[in-house]
Amino acid sequence: MDFDHGKPIYLQIIDYIKKQIITDKLKIGEKVPSQRELAQQLKVNPNTVQRAYREMEGMGLTETIRGQGTFIVERRELLRELQQEMANALLVSFIIEMQSLGYDDQEILGLVEKYQKDLKEEMK
């Protein structure tokens, strides 16, 4: 995992776990790697992973069962909520960046429609 130096690592770990859920690499109700395992896998300090896990539990994303580990909460609507949350963050960032380049709303929409159409053509 490549980390962005402009954002705290623990937040990037949370985003990483969310994306794992969205892409079905981690399933609802599934046990997540131990804090030590994830720290080794991502090559980060275990305290950073511990903070990410604590935050995820506070967000209602995970739950820790003493002696068994940490699990993705079993809520059916979780996947959809995570998809919406990540999509919103991407869109806000995209729109702000496009506006900073001087594009207005109509130009942004036009570009999105054009590139979406072009991508569909390439995939045929």
N, C-alpha and C. Protein backbone atom coordinates (compact mmCIF):
# COMPACT_ATOMS: atom_id res chain seq x y z
N MET A 1 0.85 -1.18 0.00
CA MET A 1 0.00 0.00 0.00
C MET A 1 0.90 1.24 0.00
N ASP A 2 0.63 2.15 -0.91
CA ASP A 2 1.36 3.42 -0.96
C ASP A 2 0.58 4.46 -0.19
N PHE A 3 1.25 5.10 0.75
CA PHE A 3 0.57 6.07 1.59
C PHE A 3 0.75 7.48 1.06
N ASP A 4 -0.29 8.29 1.21
CA ASP A 4 -0.29 9.70 0.85
C ASP A 4 0.21 10.47 2.07
N HIS A 5 1.28 11.21 1.92
CA HIS A 5 1.86 11.92 3.06
C HIS A 5 1.01 13.09 3.53
N GLY A 6 -0.02 13.45 2.77
CA GLY A 6 -0.88 14.56 3.14
C GLY A 6 -2.06 14.16 4.02
N LYS A 7 -2.18 12.87 4.32
CA LYS A 7 -3.32 12.38 5.10
C LYS A 7 -2.79 11.40 6.15
N PRO A 8 -3.29 11.47 7.39
CA PRO A 8 -2.81 10.55 8.42
C PRO A 8 -2.95 9.08 8.00
N ILE A 9 -1.94 8.29 8.33
CA ILE A 9 -1.91 6.90 7.91
C ILE A 9 -3.09 6.12 8.47
N TYR A 10 -3.48 6.40 9.72
CA TYR A 10 -4.59 5.63 10.30
C TYR A 10 -5.87 5.84 9.51
N LEU A 11 -6.07 7.06 8.96
CA LEU A 11 -7.26 7.32 8.14
C LEU A 11 -7.17 6.57 6.81
N GLN A 12 -5.96 6.46 6.28
CA GLN A 12 -5.78 5.72 5.04
C GLN A 12 -6.01 4.22 5.26
N ILE A 13 -5.67 3.74 6.43
CA ILE A 13 -5.94 2.33 6.77
C ILE A 13 -7.44 2.10 6.85
N ILE A 14 -8.17 3.03 7.44
CA ILE A 14 -9.63 2.92 7.51
C ILE A 14 -10.20 2.88 6.10
N ASP A 15 -9.74 3.77 5.23
CA ASP A 15 -10.20 3.78 3.84
C ASP A 15 -9.86 2.46 3.14
N TYR A 16 -8.70 1.93 3.44
CA TYR A 16 -8.26 0.65 2.87
C TYR A 16 -9.24 -0.47 3.27
N ILE A 17 -9.60 -0.52 4.55
CA ILE A 17 -10.54 -1.54 5.04
C ILE A 17 -11.91 -1.33 4.38
N LYS A 18 -12.36 -0.09 4.30
CA LYS A 18 -13.65 0.19 3.65
C LYS A 18 -13.65 -0.30 2.20
N LYS A 19 -12.56 -0.03 1.50
CA LYS A 19 -12.49 -0.46 0.11
C LYS A 19 -12.44 -1.98 0.00
N GLN A 20 -11.81 -2.64 0.96
CA GLN A 20 -11.80 -4.10 0.99
C GLN A 20 -13.22 -4.65 1.14
N ILE A 21 -14.04 -3.96 1.93
CA ILE A 21 -15.43 -4.37 2.11
C ILE A 21 -16.22 -4.13 0.83
N ILE A 22 -16.06 -2.94 0.25
CA ILE A 22 -16.79 -2.59 -0.97
C ILE A 22 -16.47 -3.54 -2.11
N THR A 23 -15.20 -3.92 -2.23
CA THR A 23 -14.78 -4.80 -3.33
C THR A 23 -14.94 -6.27 -2.99
N ASP A 24 -15.57 -6.56 -1.86
CA ASP A 24 -15.89 -7.93 -1.44
C ASP A 24 -14.66 -8.76 -1.09
N LYS A 25 -13.54 -8.11 -0.79
CA LYS A 25 -12.36 -8.83 -0.32
C LYS A 25 -12.47 -9.12 1.17
N LEU A 26 -13.24 -8.28 1.86
CA LEU A 26 -13.65 -8.52 3.25
C LEU A 26 -15.17 -8.54 3.24
N LYS A 27 -15.74 -9.54 3.85
CA LYS A 27 -17.19 -9.68 3.83
C LYS A 27 -17.80 -9.25 5.16
N ILE A 28 -19.05 -8.85 5.11
CA ILE A 28 -19.79 -8.47 6.31
C ILE A 28 -19.74 -9.66 7.28
N GLY A 29 -19.38 -9.37 8.53
CA GLY A 29 -19.30 -10.41 9.54
C GLY A 29 -17.96 -11.13 9.59
N GLU A 30 -17.09 -10.87 8.63
CA GLU A 30 -15.80 -11.56 8.56
C GLU A 30 -14.79 -10.95 9.53
N LYS A 31 -13.90 -11.79 10.00
CA LYS A 31 -12.84 -11.34 10.89
C LYS A 31 -11.79 -10.59 10.08
N VAL A 32 -11.35 -9.45 10.61
CA VAL A 32 -10.28 -8.69 9.95
C VAL A 32 -8.95 -9.18 10.50
N PRO A 33 -7.86 -8.94 9.77
CA PRO A 33 -6.55 -9.36 10.29
C PRO A 33 -6.29 -8.75 11.67
N SER A 34 -5.50 -9.43 12.46
CA SER A 34 -5.14 -8.87 13.77
C SER A 34 -4.36 -7.58 13.54
N GLN A 35 -4.30 -6.77 14.56
CA GLN A 35 -3.59 -5.49 14.44
C GLN A 35 -2.12 -5.74 14.09
N ARG A 36 -1.53 -6.72 14.69
CA ARG A 36 -0.13 -7.05 14.42
C ARG A 36 0.06 -7.52 12.98
N GLU A 37 -0.84 -8.40 12.51
CA GLU A 37 -0.75 -8.89 11.13
C GLU A 37 -0.87 -7.75 10.13
N LEU A 38 -1.86 -6.88 10.34
CA LEU A 38 -2.06 -5.78 9.39
C LEU A 38 -0.88 -4.81 9.42
N ALA A 39 -0.33 -4.56 10.61
CA ALA A 39 0.83 -3.67 10.72
C ALA A 39 2.01 -4.24 9.92
N GLN A 40 2.22 -5.55 10.03
CA GLN A 40 3.30 -6.18 9.27
C GLN A 40 3.02 -6.15 7.78
N GLN A 41 1.78 -6.43 7.41
CA GLN A 41 1.39 -6.46 6.00
C GLN A 41 1.56 -5.08 5.35
N LEU A 42 1.16 -4.02 6.06
CA LEU A 42 1.22 -2.67 5.52
C LEU A 42 2.55 -1.97 5.82
N LYS A 43 3.38 -2.62 6.65
CA LYS A 43 4.67 -2.06 7.05
C LYS A 43 4.51 -0.71 7.76
N VAL A 44 3.62 -0.71 8.76
CA VAL A 44 3.40 0.48 9.58
C VAL A 44 3.52 0.12 11.05
N ASN A 45 3.58 1.13 11.88
CA ASN A 45 3.67 0.94 13.32
C ASN A 45 2.36 0.30 13.83
N PRO A 46 2.46 -0.73 14.69
CA PRO A 46 1.25 -1.35 15.24
C PRO A 46 0.32 -0.36 15.96
N ASN A 47 0.89 0.69 16.55
CA ASN A 47 0.06 1.69 17.23
C ASN A 47 -0.83 2.44 16.23
N THR A 48 -0.35 2.60 15.01
CA THR A 48 -1.14 3.26 13.97
C THR A 48 -2.34 2.40 13.60
N VAL A 49 -2.11 1.10 13.46
CA VAL A 49 -3.19 0.17 13.16
C VAL A 49 -4.17 0.12 14.32
N GLN A 50 -3.63 0.13 15.54
CA GLN A 50 -4.50 0.11 16.72
C GLN A 50 -5.43 1.33 16.71
N ARG A 51 -4.90 2.48 16.36
CA ARG A 51 -5.74 3.69 16.30
C ARG A 51 -6.81 3.55 15.23
N ALA A 52 -6.44 3.01 14.07
CA ALA A 52 -7.41 2.81 12.99
C ALA A 52 -8.52 1.87 13.45
N TYR A 53 -8.15 0.78 14.12
CA TYR A 53 -9.15 -0.18 14.59
C TYR A 53 -10.07 0.46 15.64
N ARG A 54 -9.49 1.25 16.51
CA ARG A 54 -10.29 1.93 17.54
C ARG A 54 -11.28 2.90 16.88
N GLU A 55 -10.82 3.64 15.88
CA GLU A 55 -11.69 4.57 15.15
C GLU A 55 -12.80 3.82 14.42
N MET A 56 -12.45 2.70 13.77
CA MET A 56 -13.46 1.93 13.03
C MET A 56 -14.52 1.38 13.96
N GLU A 57 -14.11 1.00 15.15
CA GLU A 57 -15.09 0.51 16.12
C GLU A 57 -16.00 1.66 16.57
N GLY A 58 -15.42 2.83 16.78
CA GLY A 58 -16.21 4.01 17.15
C GLY A 58 -17.17 4.43 16.05
N MET A 59 -16.81 4.16 14.81
CA MET A 59 -17.66 4.49 13.66
C MET A 59 -18.77 3.45 13.45
N GLY A 60 -18.69 2.34 14.18
CA GLY A 60 -19.67 1.28 14.00
C GLY A 60 -19.37 0.40 12.80
N LEU A 61 -18.13 0.43 12.33
CA LEU A 61 -17.72 -0.37 11.18
C LEU A 61 -17.27 -1.77 11.61
N THR A 62 -16.63 -1.83 12.76
CA THR A 62 -16.15 -3.11 13.28
C THR A 62 -16.61 -3.28 14.73
N GLU A 63 -16.48 -4.52 15.19
CA GLU A 63 -16.71 -4.81 16.60
C GLU A 63 -15.67 -5.83 17.05
N THR A 64 -15.20 -5.66 18.25
CA THR A 64 -14.20 -6.56 18.79
C THR A 64 -14.86 -7.48 19.80
N ILE A 65 -14.63 -8.77 19.62
CA ILE A 65 -15.16 -9.76 20.56
C ILE A 65 -13.96 -10.31 21.32
N ARG A 66 -13.97 -10.08 22.61
CA ARG A 66 -12.84 -10.46 23.46
C ARG A 66 -12.47 -11.92 23.24
N GLY A 67 -11.19 -12.14 22.96
CA GLY A 67 -10.68 -13.49 22.78
C GLY A 67 -10.90 -14.06 21.38
N GLN A 68 -11.66 -13.37 20.55
CA GLN A 68 -11.94 -13.89 19.21
C GLN A 68 -11.38 -13.01 18.10
N GLY A 69 -11.33 -11.69 18.34
CA GLY A 69 -10.78 -10.79 17.34
C GLY A 69 -11.75 -9.68 16.97
N THR A 70 -11.42 -9.00 15.88
CA THR A 70 -12.21 -7.88 15.39
C THR A 70 -12.91 -8.30 14.10
N PHE A 71 -14.18 -7.95 14.00
CA PHE A 71 -15.02 -8.38 12.89
C PHE A 71 -15.72 -7.19 12.25
N ILE A 72 -16.00 -7.30 10.95
CA ILE A 72 -16.83 -6.31 10.27
C ILE A 72 -18.25 -6.50 10.81
N VAL A 73 -18.88 -5.40 11.19
CA VAL A 73 -20.23 -5.51 11.78
C VAL A 73 -21.20 -6.13 10.77
N GLU A 74 -22.16 -6.84 11.28
CA GLU A 74 -23.15 -7.49 10.43
C GLU A 74 -24.38 -6.60 10.30
N ARG A 75 -24.27 -5.63 9.39
CA ARG A 75 -25.39 -4.76 9.06
C ARG A 75 -25.56 -4.79 7.55
N ARG A 76 -26.72 -5.15 7.09
CA ARG A 76 -26.97 -5.31 5.66
C ARG A 76 -26.74 -4.03 4.87
N GLU A 77 -27.06 -2.89 5.46
CA GLU A 77 -26.94 -1.63 4.74
C GLU A 77 -25.51 -1.08 4.73
N LEU A 78 -24.58 -1.73 5.43
CA LEU A 78 -23.21 -1.24 5.55
C LEU A 78 -22.54 -1.06 4.19
N LEU A 79 -22.64 -2.04 3.33
CA LEU A 79 -21.98 -1.97 2.03
C LEU A 79 -22.44 -0.75 1.25
N ARG A 80 -23.73 -0.54 1.17
CA ARG A 80 -24.27 0.60 0.43
C ARG A 80 -23.83 1.93 1.05
N GLU A 81 -23.81 2.00 2.37
CA GLU A 81 -23.38 3.21 3.06
C GLU A 81 -21.92 3.53 2.73
N LEU A 82 -21.07 2.50 2.73
CA LEU A 82 -19.66 2.70 2.43
C LEU A 82 -19.46 3.13 0.98
N GLN A 83 -20.19 2.52 0.08
CA GLN A 83 -20.09 2.90 -1.33
C GLN A 83 -20.46 4.36 -1.51
N GLN A 84 -21.56 4.77 -0.89
CA GLN A 84 -22.04 6.15 -1.01
C GLN A 84 -21.04 7.12 -0.40
N GLU A 85 -20.51 6.78 0.75
CA GLU A 85 -19.55 7.64 1.44
C GLU A 85 -18.28 7.85 0.60
N MET A 86 -17.75 6.76 0.05
CA MET A 86 -16.53 6.87 -0.75
C MET A 86 -16.79 7.58 -2.08
N ALA A 87 -17.94 7.34 -2.68
CA ALA A 87 -18.30 8.02 -3.92
C ALA A 87 -18.42 9.52 -3.67
N ASN A 88 -19.07 9.90 -2.58
CA ASN A 88 -19.22 11.32 -2.24
C ASN A 88 -17.86 11.99 -2.07
N ALA A 89 -16.95 11.33 -1.36
CA ALA A 89 -15.62 11.90 -1.13
C ALA A 89 -14.87 12.10 -2.45
N LEU A 90 -14.96 11.11 -3.34
CA LEU A 90 -14.29 11.22 -4.64
C LEU A 90 -14.89 12.35 -5.47
N LEU A 91 -16.21 12.44 -5.47
CA LEU A 91 -16.87 13.48 -6.25
C LEU A 91 -16.55 14.88 -5.74
N VAL A 92 -16.56 15.06 -4.45
CA VAL A 92 -16.24 16.37 -3.88
C VAL A 92 -14.82 16.77 -4.27
N SER A 93 -13.89 15.85 -4.11
CA SER A 93 -12.50 16.13 -4.47
C SER A 93 -12.37 16.47 -5.95
N PHE A 94 -13.03 15.67 -6.79
CA PHE A 94 -12.99 15.88 -8.23
C PHE A 94 -13.54 17.26 -8.61
N ILE A 95 -14.71 17.59 -8.08
CA ILE A 95 -15.35 18.86 -8.43
C ILE A 95 -14.50 20.05 -7.97
N ILE A 96 -13.97 19.96 -6.76
CA ILE A 96 -13.12 21.05 -6.26
C ILE A 96 -11.89 21.23 -7.15
N GLU A 97 -11.26 20.13 -7.52
CA GLU A 97 -10.08 20.21 -8.38
C GLU A 97 -10.43 20.77 -9.76
N MET A 98 -11.54 20.32 -10.34
CA MET A 98 -11.94 20.82 -11.65
C MET A 98 -12.26 22.32 -11.59
N GLN A 99 -12.93 22.75 -10.54
CA GLN A 99 -13.23 24.18 -10.39
C GLN A 99 -11.95 24.99 -10.22
N SER A 100 -10.96 24.40 -9.53
CA SER A 100 -9.69 25.12 -9.35
C SER A 100 -8.95 25.27 -10.68
N LEU A 101 -9.27 24.40 -11.65
CA LEU A 101 -8.69 24.51 -12.99
C LEU A 101 -9.47 25.47 -13.88
N GLY A 102 -10.57 26.01 -13.35
CA GLY A 102 -11.33 27.01 -14.08
C GLY A 102 -12.58 26.49 -14.78
N TYR A 103 -12.92 25.23 -14.59
CA TYR A 103 -14.12 24.68 -15.22
C TYR A 103 -15.36 25.06 -14.41
N ASP A 104 -16.46 25.37 -15.12
CA ASP A 104 -17.72 25.62 -14.43
C ASP A 104 -18.52 24.31 -14.41
N ASP A 105 -19.68 24.33 -13.75
CA ASP A 105 -20.46 23.11 -13.57
C ASP A 105 -20.83 22.44 -14.89
N GLN A 106 -21.26 23.22 -15.85
CA GLN A 106 -21.67 22.65 -17.14
C GLN A 106 -20.49 22.03 -17.88
N GLU A 107 -19.34 22.67 -17.80
CA GLU A 107 -18.15 22.11 -18.45
C GLU A 107 -17.73 20.81 -17.80
N ILE A 108 -17.82 20.76 -16.48
CA ILE A 108 -17.47 19.54 -15.75
C ILE A 108 -18.40 18.41 -16.17
N LEU A 109 -19.70 18.68 -16.19
CA LEU A 109 -20.67 17.66 -16.60
C LEU A 109 -20.42 17.21 -18.03
N GLY A 110 -20.12 18.16 -18.92
CA GLY A 110 -19.84 17.82 -20.31
C GLY A 110 -18.63 16.91 -20.44
N LEU A 111 -17.57 17.22 -19.68
CA LEU A 111 -16.37 16.39 -19.72
C LEU A 111 -16.64 14.98 -19.19
N VAL A 112 -17.38 14.91 -18.11
CA VAL A 112 -17.71 13.60 -17.53
C VAL A 112 -18.50 12.77 -18.54
N GLU A 113 -19.50 13.37 -19.14
CA GLU A 113 -20.30 12.64 -20.13
C GLU A 113 -19.46 12.19 -21.31
N LYS A 114 -18.57 13.05 -21.78
CA LYS A 114 -17.70 12.72 -22.91
C LYS A 114 -16.79 11.54 -22.57
N TYR A 115 -16.12 11.61 -21.41
CA TYR A 115 -15.19 10.55 -21.05
C TYR A 115 -15.91 9.25 -20.72
N GLN A 116 -17.09 9.35 -20.17
CA GLN A 116 -17.88 8.15 -19.90
C GLN A 116 -18.24 7.48 -21.22
N LYS A 117 -18.66 8.26 -22.19
CA LYS A 117 -19.00 7.74 -23.51
C LYS A 117 -17.77 7.12 -24.17
N ASP A 118 -16.64 7.83 -24.11
CA ASP A 118 -15.39 7.32 -24.69
C ASP A 118 -14.98 5.99 -24.06
N LEU A 119 -15.11 5.90 -22.74
CA LEU A 119 -14.76 4.65 -22.05
C LEU A 119 -15.63 3.50 -22.49
N LYS A 120 -16.92 3.76 -22.64
CA LYS A 120 -17.84 2.71 -23.10
C LYS A 120 -17.45 2.23 -24.50
N GLU A 121 -17.04 3.15 -25.35
CA GLU A 121 -16.61 2.79 -26.71
C GLU A 121 -15.36 1.94 -26.68
N GLU A 122 -14.42 2.30 -25.81
CA GLU A 122 -13.17 1.54 -25.70
C GLU A 122 -13.40 0.13 -25.18
N MET A 123 -14.41 -0.05 -24.35
CA MET A 123 -14.67 -1.35 -23.75
C MET A 123 -15.40 -2.31 -24.67
N LYS A 124 -15.89 -1.82 -25.79
CA LYS A 124 -16.62 -2.68 -26.72
C LYS A 124 -15.69 -3.58 -27.47
